[in-house]
C-alpha atoms as a PDB file:
ATOM      1  CA  UNK A   1     -87.488 -14.424 -56.450  1.00  0.00           C
ATOM      2  CA  UNK A   2     -85.927 -17.856 -56.617  1.00  0.00           C
ATOM      3  CA  UNK A   3     -85.588 -19.935 -53.482  1.00  0.00           C
ATOM      4  CA  UNK A   4     -81.769 -19.806 -53.396  1.00  0.00           C
ATOM      5  CA  UNK A   5     -81.667 -16.046 -53.916  1.00  0.00           C
ATOM      6  CA  UNK A   6     -83.936 -15.172 -50.992  1.00  0.00           C
ATOM      7  CA  UNK A   7     -82.342 -13.015 -48.328  1.00  0.00           C
ATOM      8  CA  UNK A   8     -80.967 -14.796 -45.277  1.00  0.00           C
ATOM      9  CA  UNK A   9     -83.209 -14.447 -42.244  1.00  0.00           C
ATOM     10  CA  UNK A  10     -82.772 -15.700 -38.723  1.00  0.00           C
ATOM     11  CA  UNK A  11     -85.754 -18.014 -39.112  1.00  0.00           C
ATOM     12  CA  UNK A  12     -84.184 -19.683 -42.172  1.00  0.00           C
ATOM     13  CA  UNK A  13     -80.823 -20.021 -40.400  1.00  0.00           C
ATOM     14  CA  UNK A  14     -82.481 -21.509 -37.305  1.00  0.00           C
ATOM     15  CA  UNK A  15     -84.434 -23.970 -39.460  1.00  0.00           C
ATOM     16  CA  UNK A  16     -81.251 -25.068 -41.290  1.00  0.00           C
ATOM     17  CA  UNK A  17     -79.322 -25.522 -38.013  1.00  0.00           C
ATOM     18  CA  UNK A  18     -82.176 -27.569 -36.571  1.00  0.00           C
ATOM     19  CA  UNK A  19     -82.318 -29.696 -39.725  1.00  0.00           C
ATOM     20  CA  UNK A  20     -78.573 -30.384 -39.682  1.00  0.00           C
ATOM     21  CA  UNK A  21     -78.298 -31.062 -35.950  1.00  0.00           C
ATOM     22  CA  UNK A  22     -81.058 -33.662 -35.717  1.00  0.00           C
ATOM     23  CA  UNK A  23     -79.615 -37.181 -35.978  1.00  0.00           C
ATOM     24  CA  UNK A  24     -80.680 -39.217 -38.949  1.00  0.00           C
ATOM     25  CA  UNK A  25     -81.518 -42.779 -38.048  1.00  0.00           C
ATOM     26  CA  UNK A  26     -81.658 -43.928 -41.652  1.00  0.00           C
ATOM     27  CA  UNK A  27     -77.866 -43.756 -42.126  1.00  0.00           C
ATOM     28  CA  UNK A  28     -76.738 -47.136 -43.447  1.00  0.00           C
ATOM     29  CA  UNK A  29     -73.032 -46.583 -42.795  1.00  0.00           C
ATOM     30  CA  UNK A  30     -70.633 -44.283 -40.997  1.00  0.00           C
ATOM     31  CA  UNK A  31     -67.561 -42.719 -42.567  1.00  0.00           C
ATOM     32  CA  UNK A  32     -64.610 -42.698 -40.184  1.00  0.00           C
ATOM     33  CA  UNK A  33     -62.205 -39.942 -41.122  1.00  0.00           C
ATOM     34  CA  UNK A  34     -59.531 -40.869 -38.575  1.00  0.00           C
ATOM     35  CA  UNK A  35     -56.482 -41.974 -40.591  1.00  0.00           C
ATOM     36  CA  UNK A  36     -55.021 -43.855 -37.600  1.00  0.00           C
ATOM     37  CA  UNK A  37     -58.181 -45.818 -36.795  1.00  0.00           C
ATOM     38  CA  UNK A  38     -57.036 -49.102 -38.314  1.00  0.00           C
ATOM     39  CA  UNK A  39     -53.756 -48.853 -36.415  1.00  0.00           C
ATOM     40  CA  UNK A  40     -55.635 -48.433 -33.140  1.00  0.00           C
ATOM     41  CA  UNK A  41     -57.717 -51.508 -34.017  1.00  0.00           C
ATOM     42  CA  UNK A  42     -54.463 -53.383 -34.818  1.00  0.00           C
ATOM     43  CA  UNK A  43     -55.580 -54.421 -38.301  1.00  0.00           C
ATOM     44  CA  UNK A  44     -53.657 -51.886 -40.406  1.00  0.00           C
ATOM     45  CA  UNK A  45     -50.752 -52.957 -42.585  1.00  0.00           C
ATOM     46  CA  UNK A  46     -47.479 -52.994 -40.672  1.00  0.00           C
ATOM     47  CA  UNK A  47     -44.313 -53.332 -42.754  1.00  0.00           C
ATOM     48  CA  UNK A  48     -42.103 -56.259 -41.896  1.00  0.00           C
ATOM     49  CA  UNK A  49     -38.822 -54.909 -43.248  1.00  0.00           C
ATOM     50  CA  UNK A  50     -35.900 -57.197 -43.850  1.00  0.00           C
ATOM     51  CA  UNK A  51     -34.749 -59.659 -41.230  1.00  0.00           C
ATOM     52  CA  UNK A  52     -31.101 -58.524 -41.518  1.00  0.00           C
ATOM     53  CA  UNK A  53     -31.791 -54.876 -40.721  1.00  0.00           C
ATOM     54  CA  UNK A  54     -30.530 -53.920 -37.291  1.00  0.00           C
ATOM     55  CA  UNK A  55     -33.289 -51.683 -35.874  1.00  0.00           C
ATOM     56  CA  UNK A  56     -35.953 -53.268 -38.050  1.00  0.00           C
ATOM     57  CA  UNK A  57     -38.895 -51.617 -39.730  1.00  0.00           C
ATOM     58  CA  UNK A  58     -41.854 -53.305 -38.094  1.00  0.00           C
ATOM     59  CA  UNK A  59     -43.609 -50.258 -36.637  1.00  0.00           C
ATOM     60  CA  UNK A  60     -46.399 -47.797 -37.277  1.00  0.00           C
ATOM     61  CA  UNK A  61     -44.785 -44.924 -35.363  1.00  0.00           C
ATOM     62  CA  UNK A  62     -41.185 -44.485 -34.283  1.00  0.00           C
ATOM     63  CA  UNK A  63     -39.327 -41.899 -32.235  1.00  0.00           C
ATOM     64  CA  UNK A  64     -36.241 -40.171 -33.628  1.00  0.00           C
ATOM     65  CA  UNK A  65     -34.121 -37.829 -31.541  1.00  0.00           C
ATOM     66  CA  UNK A  66     -31.583 -35.479 -33.104  1.00  0.00           C
ATOM     67  CA  UNK A  67     -29.051 -33.636 -30.978  1.00  0.00           C
ATOM     68  CA  UNK A  68     -26.945 -30.839 -32.379  1.00  0.00           C
ATOM     69  CA  UNK A  69     -24.413 -28.674 -30.590  1.00  0.00           C
ATOM     70  CA  UNK A  70     -27.068 -26.148 -29.675  1.00  0.00           C
ATOM     71  CA  UNK A  71     -30.551 -27.676 -29.972  1.00  0.00           C
ATOM     72  CA  UNK A  72     -32.402 -30.949 -29.407  1.00  0.00           C
ATOM     73  CA  UNK A  73     -35.296 -32.112 -31.551  1.00  0.00           C
ATOM     74  CA  UNK A  74     -37.567 -35.141 -31.283  1.00  0.00           C
ATOM     75  CA  UNK A  75     -39.777 -36.392 -34.114  1.00  0.00           C
ATOM     76  CA  UNK A  76     -42.503 -39.018 -34.253  1.00  0.00           C
ATOM     77  CA  UNK A  77     -42.456 -40.598 -37.708  1.00  0.00           C
ATOM     78  CA  UNK A  78     -45.053 -42.753 -39.408  1.00  0.00           C
ATOM     79  CA  UNK A  79     -43.772 -45.516 -41.659  1.00  0.00           C
ATOM     80  CA  UNK A  80     -45.650 -44.118 -44.705  1.00  0.00           C
ATOM     81  CA  UNK A  81     -46.296 -40.439 -44.077  1.00  0.00           C
ATOM     82  CA  UNK A  82     -43.000 -39.356 -42.530  1.00  0.00           C
ATOM     83  CA  UNK A  83     -42.911 -36.873 -39.674  1.00  0.00           C
ATOM     84  CA  UNK A  84     -46.255 -36.523 -37.905  1.00  0.00           C
ATOM     85  CA  UNK A  85     -45.230 -34.715 -34.711  1.00  0.00           C
ATOM     86  CA  UNK A  86     -42.126 -32.836 -33.761  1.00  0.00           C
ATOM     87  CA  UNK A  87     -40.830 -30.797 -30.872  1.00  0.00           C
ATOM     88  CA  UNK A  88     -37.574 -28.932 -30.666  1.00  0.00           C
ATOM     89  CA  UNK A  89     -35.795 -26.647 -28.251  1.00  0.00           C
ATOM     90  CA  UNK A  90     -35.300 -24.273 -31.184  1.00  0.00           C
ATOM     91  CA  UNK A  91     -39.046 -23.458 -31.146  1.00  0.00           C
ATOM     92  CA  UNK A  92     -39.566 -19.985 -29.795  1.00  0.00           C
ATOM     93  CA  UNK A  93     -42.197 -20.957 -27.200  1.00  0.00           C
ATOM     94  CA  UNK A  94     -39.970 -23.686 -25.746  1.00  0.00           C
ATOM     95  CA  UNK A  95     -36.714 -21.767 -26.038  1.00  0.00           C
ATOM     96  CA  UNK A  96     -38.106 -18.823 -24.065  1.00  0.00           C
ATOM     97  CA  UNK A  97     -38.756 -21.048 -21.045  1.00  0.00           C
ATOM     98  CA  UNK A  98     -35.282 -22.654 -20.929  1.00  0.00           C
ATOM     99  CA  UNK A  99     -31.994 -21.436 -19.498  1.00  0.00           C
ATOM    100  CA  UNK A 100     -29.998 -23.478 -22.032  1.00  0.00           C
ATOM    101  CA  UNK A 101     -31.357 -25.335 -25.035  1.00  0.00           C
ATOM    102  CA  UNK A 102     -29.288 -28.507 -24.633  1.00  0.00           C
ATOM    103  CA  UNK A 103     -28.937 -29.186 -20.903  1.00  0.00           C
ATOM    104  CA  UNK A 104     -30.729 -31.818 -18.818  1.00  0.00           C
ATOM    105  CA  UNK A 105     -33.751 -29.639 -18.064  1.00  0.00           C
ATOM    106  CA  UNK A 106     -34.146 -28.971 -21.801  1.00  0.00           C
ATOM    107  CA  UNK A 107     -34.256 -32.724 -22.476  1.00  0.00           C
ATOM    108  CA  UNK A 108     -36.805 -33.300 -19.697  1.00  0.00           C
ATOM    109  CA  UNK A 109     -39.039 -30.409 -20.787  1.00  0.00           C
ATOM    110  CA  UNK A 110     -38.796 -31.482 -24.425  1.00  0.00           C
ATOM    111  CA  UNK A 111     -40.031 -34.920 -23.334  1.00  0.00           C
ATOM    112  CA  UNK A 112     -42.996 -33.330 -21.545  1.00  0.00           C
ATOM    113  CA  UNK A 113     -43.926 -31.219 -24.565  1.00  0.00           C
ATOM    114  CA  UNK A 114     -43.624 -34.136 -26.996  1.00  0.00           C
ATOM    115  CA  UNK A 115     -45.646 -36.439 -24.719  1.00  0.00           C
ATOM    116  CA  UNK A 116     -48.380 -33.798 -24.450  1.00  0.00           C
ATOM    117  CA  UNK A 117     -48.509 -33.405 -28.234  1.00  0.00           C
ATOM    118  CA  UNK A 118     -48.583 -37.190 -28.715  1.00  0.00           C
ATOM    119  CA  UNK A 119     -51.462 -37.629 -26.292  1.00  0.00           C
ATOM    120  CA  UNK A 120     -53.385 -34.770 -27.889  1.00  0.00           C
ATOM    121  CA  UNK A 121     -53.080 -36.394 -31.303  1.00  0.00           C
ATOM    122  CA  UNK A 122     -53.978 -39.869 -30.002  1.00  0.00           C
ATOM    123  CA  UNK A 123     -50.587 -41.538 -30.337  1.00  0.00           C
ATOM    124  CA  UNK A 124     -49.931 -43.461 -27.142  1.00  0.00           C
ATOM    125  CA  UNK A 125     -47.680 -46.242 -28.451  1.00  0.00           C
ATOM    126  CA  UNK A 126     -44.581 -46.082 -30.606  1.00  0.00           C
ATOM    127  CA  UNK A 127     -41.298 -47.859 -31.041  1.00  0.00           C
ATOM    128  CA  UNK A 128     -38.020 -46.351 -29.913  1.00  0.00           C
ATOM    129  CA  UNK A 129     -34.723 -47.649 -31.252  1.00  0.00           C
ATOM    130  CA  UNK A 130     -32.644 -45.103 -29.325  1.00  0.00           C
ATOM    131  CA  UNK A 131     -30.035 -46.645 -27.040  1.00  0.00           C
ATOM    132  CA  UNK A 132     -29.487 -44.365 -24.067  1.00  0.00           C
ATOM    133  CA  UNK A 133     -26.654 -44.609 -21.567  1.00  0.00           C
ATOM    134  CA  UNK A 134     -28.052 -44.981 -18.021  1.00  0.00           C
ATOM    135  CA  UNK A 135     -28.114 -41.618 -16.248  1.00  0.00           C
ATOM    136  CA  UNK A 136     -27.696 -39.603 -19.450  1.00  0.00           C
ATOM    137  CA  UNK A 137     -29.831 -36.709 -20.634  1.00  0.00           C
ATOM    138  CA  UNK A 138     -31.269 -38.876 -23.372  1.00  0.00           C
ATOM    139  CA  UNK A 139     -32.388 -41.499 -20.882  1.00  0.00           C
ATOM    140  CA  UNK A 140     -34.145 -38.796 -18.848  1.00  0.00           C
ATOM    141  CA  UNK A 141     -36.006 -37.620 -21.977  1.00  0.00           C
ATOM    142  CA  UNK A 142     -37.172 -41.189 -22.680  1.00  0.00           C
ATOM    143  CA  UNK A 143     -38.164 -41.689 -19.037  1.00  0.00           C
ATOM    144  CA  UNK A 144     -40.140 -38.430 -19.073  1.00  0.00           C
ATOM    145  CA  UNK A 145     -42.019 -39.583 -22.176  1.00  0.00           C
ATOM    146  CA  UNK A 146     -42.923 -42.849 -20.451  1.00  0.00           C
ATOM    147  CA  UNK A 147     -43.931 -41.101 -17.209  1.00  0.00           C
ATOM    148  CA  UNK A 148     -46.305 -38.858 -19.164  1.00  0.00           C
ATOM    149  CA  UNK A 149     -48.237 -41.700 -20.788  1.00  0.00           C
ATOM    150  CA  UNK A 150     -46.340 -42.716 -23.946  1.00  0.00           C
ATOM    151  CA  UNK A 151     -45.468 -46.389 -24.275  1.00  0.00           C
ATOM    152  CA  UNK A 152     -42.466 -47.603 -26.277  1.00  0.00           C
ATOM    153  CA  UNK A 153     -44.052 -50.931 -27.183  1.00  0.00           C
ATOM    154  CA  UNK A 154     -46.547 -51.124 -30.009  1.00  0.00           C
ATOM    155  CA  UNK A 155     -49.176 -53.863 -29.939  1.00  0.00           C
ATOM    156  CA  UNK A 156     -48.744 -56.722 -32.379  1.00  0.00           C
ATOM    157  CA  UNK A 157     -50.777 -56.731 -35.555  1.00  0.00           C
ATOM    158  CA  UNK A 158     -53.737 -59.104 -35.547  1.00  0.00           C
ATOM    159  CA  UNK A 159     -53.168 -62.020 -37.871  1.00  0.00           C
ATOM    160  CA  UNK A 160     -55.957 -63.004 -40.205  1.00  0.00           C
ATOM    161  CA  UNK A 161     -57.818 -66.010 -38.888  1.00  0.00           C
ATOM    162  CA  UNK A 162     -58.222 -68.822 -41.367  1.00  0.00           C
ATOM    163  CA  UNK A 163     -61.308 -71.050 -41.371  1.00  0.00           C
ATOM    164  CA  UNK A 164     -59.220 -74.050 -40.346  1.00  0.00           C
ATOM    165  CA  UNK A 165     -57.569 -72.365 -37.342  1.00  0.00           C
ATOM    166  CA  UNK A 166     -58.390 -74.031 -34.020  1.00  0.00           C
ATOM    167  CA  UNK A 167     -57.973 -70.834 -31.978  1.00  0.00           C
ATOM    168  CA  UNK A 168     -59.183 -67.451 -33.148  1.00  0.00           C
ATOM    169  CA  UNK A 169     -57.849 -64.255 -31.671  1.00  0.00           C
ATOM    170  CA  UNK A 170     -60.214 -61.993 -29.798  1.00  0.00           C
ATOM    171  CA  UNK A 171     -60.886 -58.864 -31.777  1.00  0.00           C
ATOM    172  CA  UNK A 172     -60.152 -55.595 -29.950  1.00  0.00           C
ATOM    173  CA  UNK A 173     -63.540 -54.122 -30.823  1.00  0.00           C
ATOM    174  CA  UNK A 174     -65.473 -57.081 -29.407  1.00  0.00           C
ATOM    175  CA  UNK A 175     -65.856 -57.781 -25.690  1.00  0.00           C
ATOM    176  CA  UNK A 176     -66.667 -61.293 -24.593  1.00  0.00           C
ATOM    177  CA  UNK A 177     -68.139 -62.187 -21.229  1.00  0.00           C
ATOM    178  CA  UNK A 178     -65.160 -64.421 -20.376  1.00  0.00           C
ATOM    179  CA  UNK A 179     -62.795 -61.449 -20.542  1.00  0.00           C
ATOM    180  CA  UNK A 180     -64.824 -59.384 -18.088  1.00  0.00           C
ATOM    181  CA  UNK A 181     -63.803 -59.704 -14.468  1.00  0.00           C
ATOM    182  CA  UNK A 182     -66.639 -60.272 -12.020  1.00  0.00           C
ATOM    183  CA  UNK A 183     -67.189 -57.302  -9.788  1.00  0.00           C
ATOM    184  CA  UNK A 184     -67.610 -57.801  -6.085  1.00  0.00           C
ATOM    185  CA  UNK A 185     -70.922 -56.612  -4.608  1.00  0.00           C
ATOM    186  CA  UNK A 186     -70.653 -53.503  -2.444  1.00  0.00           C
ATOM    187  CA  UNK A 187     -70.231 -54.204   1.286  1.00  0.00           C
ATOM    188  CA  UNK A 188     -73.408 -53.992   3.331  1.00  0.00           C
ATOM    189  CA  UNK A 189     -73.436 -51.505   6.119  1.00  0.00           C
ATOM    190  CA  UNK A 190     -74.273 -52.796   9.590  1.00  0.00           C
ATOM    191  CA  UNK A 191     -76.712 -50.743  11.677  1.00  0.00           C
END
């Protein structure tokens, strides 16, 4: 009987699991499969857009809110890939919990749901070109997003340092000793 055609036994399965779970120290490189990793490190390409465009196009993620007569939907869009995340009051799970699908509580709860989905997917910063009237439902949705951990200001892209530059930017993946704050020693108890 050939080796690949042998029947599967618990001993063979245990041996294969043990072989796959032990870390290999001889790995020369690591493959990062996170498509947003370069954006988090602030070195990914960020489109500049045209300087005459009103909202501008210099973002990795942006928030778009669409309000119809009956429903409200909010989408997080990537500049290349289109819609990444969306939440809408027309979704059955959200609609079942609301009295009306376009009142103030619907806007606030939609903000909570979208913020939760953003944080689960690792998107904590995005741009928002929505102008909200103070005290409006839309402003409450934006405020709810901010209260739940989503920031509406994306970090600037790191510029490439040239060899002749006098000052080089600190890279986000490196920590220098000057940037660390000294910690105070714990207070001594008096007996």
